[in-house]
Amino acid sequence: MTELDERSALAAKIFPDEWARWYKVRGTTAQRQRQRLRKAAEIEVNVMRPLRAAGASCATCRSFKHRIDVGNYCSAESDFHGYVLAKSKGLCPLWHKKES
């Protein structure tokens, strides 16, 4: 089994409905969507699951901030275009432990 086959099998296992939809379609858009699903599956297995197992969440991230006029937001993802709102129980691949 090649590396691409293994990555595709992982994506099909984690995102079965979406993978089935894009597997049937041919063309550039379908190729991009399948690649996006492969990458998302790898992030889920290699990054997100270990973070969840360690009890990580946005509330324990150093980028989790609060402003009265905005509410809870992620300073890592926010920029001059605006704030990216965050939920305290949420989680993203940009998580970093708060410094004590």
C-alpha atoms as a PDB file:
ATOM      1  CA  MET A   1       0.000   0.000   0.000  1.00  0.00           C
ATOM      2  CA  THR A   2       1.456   3.337  -1.010  1.00  0.00           C
ATOM      3  CA  GLU A   3       1.584   6.407   1.188  1.00  0.00           C
ATOM      4  CA  LEU A   4      -1.201   8.042  -0.832  1.00  0.00           C
ATOM      5  CA  ASP A   5      -3.398   4.962  -0.382  1.00  0.00           C
ATOM      6  CA  GLU A   6      -2.797   5.015   3.377  1.00  0.00           C
ATOM      7  CA  ARG A   7      -3.614   8.726   3.603  1.00  0.00           C
ATOM      8  CA  SER A   8      -6.744   8.208   1.494  1.00  0.00           C
ATOM      9  CA  ALA A   9      -7.874   5.300   3.696  1.00  0.00           C
ATOM     10  CA  LEU A  10      -7.396   7.442   6.796  1.00  0.00           C
ATOM     11  CA  ALA A  11      -9.427  10.292   5.275  1.00  0.00           C
ATOM     12  CA  ALA A  12     -12.170   7.849   4.252  1.00  0.00           C
ATOM     13  CA  LYS A  13     -12.264   6.455   7.799  1.00  0.00           C
ATOM     14  CA  ILE A  14     -12.460   9.841   9.543  1.00  0.00           C
ATOM     15  CA  PHE A  15     -14.668  11.650   6.995  1.00  0.00           C
ATOM     16  CA  PRO A  16     -16.661   8.829   5.332  1.00  0.00           C
ATOM     17  CA  ASP A  17     -19.543  10.875   3.896  1.00  0.00           C
ATOM     18  CA  GLU A  18     -17.437  13.683   2.528  1.00  0.00           C
ATOM     19  CA  TRP A  19     -14.808  11.283   1.152  1.00  0.00           C
ATOM     20  CA  ALA A  20     -17.468   9.228  -0.639  1.00  0.00           C
ATOM     21  CA  ARG A  21     -18.863  12.393  -2.206  1.00  0.00           C
ATOM     22  CA  TRP A  22     -15.520  13.608  -3.581  1.00  0.00           C
ATOM     23  CA  TYR A  23     -14.220  10.149  -4.479  1.00  0.00           C
ATOM     24  CA  LYS A  24     -16.931   9.743  -7.120  1.00  0.00           C
ATOM     25  CA  VAL A  25     -16.173  13.089  -8.780  1.00  0.00           C
ATOM     26  CA  ARG A  26     -13.294  13.676 -11.178  1.00  0.00           C
ATOM     27  CA  GLY A  27     -11.481  16.899 -11.985  1.00  0.00           C
ATOM     28  CA  THR A  28      -9.307  19.508 -10.363  1.00  0.00           C
ATOM     29  CA  THR A  29     -11.835  20.585  -7.743  1.00  0.00           C
ATOM     30  CA  ALA A  30     -12.349  16.999  -6.604  1.00  0.00           C
ATOM     31  CA  GLN A  31      -8.580  16.445  -6.421  1.00  0.00           C
ATOM     32  CA  ARG A  32      -8.204  19.513  -4.219  1.00  0.00           C
ATOM     33  CA  GLN A  33     -11.054  18.450  -1.967  1.00  0.00           C
ATOM     34  CA  ARG A  34      -9.617  14.952  -1.552  1.00  0.00           C
ATOM     35  CA  GLN A  35      -6.216  16.457  -0.714  1.00  0.00           C
ATOM     36  CA  ARG A  36      -7.888  18.775   1.821  1.00  0.00           C
ATOM     37  CA  LEU A  37      -9.567  15.768   3.441  1.00  0.00           C
ATOM     38  CA  ARG A  38      -6.273  13.838   3.567  1.00  0.00           C
ATOM     39  CA  LYS A  39      -4.546  16.773   5.269  1.00  0.00           C
ATOM     40  CA  ALA A  40      -7.440  17.297   7.719  1.00  0.00           C
ATOM     41  CA  ALA A  41      -7.384  13.597   8.645  1.00  0.00           C
ATOM     42  CA  GLU A  42      -3.644  13.717   9.350  1.00  0.00           C
ATOM     43  CA  ILE A  43      -4.067  16.822  11.517  1.00  0.00           C
ATOM     44  CA  GLU A  44      -6.913  15.129  13.395  1.00  0.00           C
ATOM     45  CA  VAL A  45      -4.824  12.034  14.154  1.00  0.00           C
ATOM     46  CA  ASN A  46      -1.409  13.611  14.726  1.00  0.00           C
ATOM     47  CA  VAL A  47      -2.333  16.916  16.393  1.00  0.00           C
ATOM     48  CA  MET A  48      -5.911  17.208  17.583  1.00  0.00           C
ATOM     49  CA  ARG A  49      -6.410  13.810  19.239  1.00  0.00           C
ATOM     50  CA  PRO A  50      -3.250  14.066  21.364  1.00  0.00           C
ATOM     51  CA  LEU A  51      -4.213  17.620  22.385  1.00  0.00           C
ATOM     52  CA  ARG A  52      -7.707  16.502  23.416  1.00  0.00           C
ATOM     53  CA  ALA A  53      -6.266  13.547  25.321  1.00  0.00           C
ATOM     54  CA  ALA A  54      -4.010  15.950  27.235  1.00  0.00           C
ATOM     55  CA  GLY A  55      -7.035  18.072  28.196  1.00  0.00           C
ATOM     56  CA  ALA A  56      -6.202  21.020  25.946  1.00  0.00           C
ATOM     57  CA  SER A  57      -8.837  23.585  24.983  1.00  0.00           C
ATOM     58  CA  CYS A  58      -8.971  27.209  23.875  1.00  0.00           C
ATOM     59  CA  ALA A  59      -9.357  28.257  27.508  1.00  0.00           C
ATOM     60  CA  THR A  60      -5.933  26.747  28.296  1.00  0.00           C
ATOM     61  CA  CYS A  61      -4.231  28.305  25.247  1.00  0.00           C
ATOM     62  CA  ARG A  62      -1.966  31.332  25.482  1.00  0.00           C
ATOM     63  CA  SER A  63      -3.759  32.900  22.485  1.00  0.00           C
ATOM     64  CA  PHE A  64      -7.191  32.827  24.160  1.00  0.00           C
ATOM     65  CA  LYS A  65      -8.068  36.427  25.070  1.00  0.00           C
ATOM     66  CA  HIS A  66     -11.136  38.347  26.202  1.00  0.00           C
ATOM     67  CA  ARG A  67     -12.254  41.891  25.471  1.00  0.00           C
ATOM     68  CA  ILE A  68     -15.473  43.422  26.713  1.00  0.00           C
ATOM     69  CA  ASP A  69     -16.379  44.826  23.276  1.00  0.00           C
ATOM     70  CA  VAL A  70     -15.466  41.629  21.378  1.00  0.00           C
ATOM     71  CA  GLY A  71     -15.826  38.738  23.801  1.00  0.00           C
ATOM     72  CA  ASN A  72     -13.564  35.692  23.686  1.00  0.00           C
ATOM     73  CA  TYR A  73     -11.215  35.629  20.719  1.00  0.00           C
ATOM     74  CA  CYS A  74      -8.065  33.927  19.443  1.00  0.00           C
ATOM     75  CA  SER A  75      -5.130  36.310  19.139  1.00  0.00           C
ATOM     76  CA  ALA A  76      -3.199  33.780  17.019  1.00  0.00           C
ATOM     77  CA  GLU A  77      -5.810  33.795  14.264  1.00  0.00           C
ATOM     78  CA  SER A  78      -7.027  37.389  14.568  1.00  0.00           C
ATOM     79  CA  ASP A  79      -5.434  40.097  12.457  1.00  0.00           C
ATOM     80  CA  PHE A  80      -6.104  43.586  11.101  1.00  0.00           C
ATOM     81  CA  HIS A  81      -9.171  42.260   9.256  1.00  0.00           C
ATOM     82  CA  GLY A  82     -10.893  41.476  12.561  1.00  0.00           C
ATOM     83  CA  TYR A  83     -11.174  39.117  15.474  1.00  0.00           C
ATOM     84  CA  VAL A  84     -11.652  35.357  15.233  1.00  0.00           C
ATOM     85  CA  LEU A  85     -14.092  34.466  17.991  1.00  0.00           C
ATOM     86  CA  ALA A  86     -13.245  31.480  20.156  1.00  0.00           C
ATOM     87  CA  LYS A  87     -15.202  29.267  22.517  1.00  0.00           C
ATOM     88  CA  SER A  88     -13.526  28.247  25.749  1.00  0.00           C
ATOM     89  CA  LYS A  89     -14.133  24.548  25.027  1.00  0.00           C
ATOM     90  CA  GLY A  90     -12.984  24.827  21.406  1.00  0.00           C
ATOM     91  CA  LEU A  91      -9.624  23.666  20.080  1.00  0.00           C
ATOM     92  CA  CYS A  92      -7.484  24.309  17.012  1.00  0.00           C
ATOM     93  CA  PRO A  93      -4.073  23.128  15.743  1.00  0.00           C
ATOM     94  CA  LEU A  94      -2.504  26.463  16.810  1.00  0.00           C
ATOM     95  CA  TRP A  95      -2.871  25.612  20.516  1.00  0.00           C
ATOM     96  CA  HIS A  96       0.056  26.509  22.779  1.00  0.00           C
ATOM     97  CA  LYS A  97       0.195  26.031  26.530  1.00  0.00           C
ATOM     98  CA  LYS A  98      -0.259  29.138  28.667  1.00  0.00           C
ATOM     99  CA  GLU A  99       2.903  30.220  30.389  1.00  0.00           C
ATOM    100  CA  SER A 100       2.583  30.261  34.154  1.00  0.00           C
END
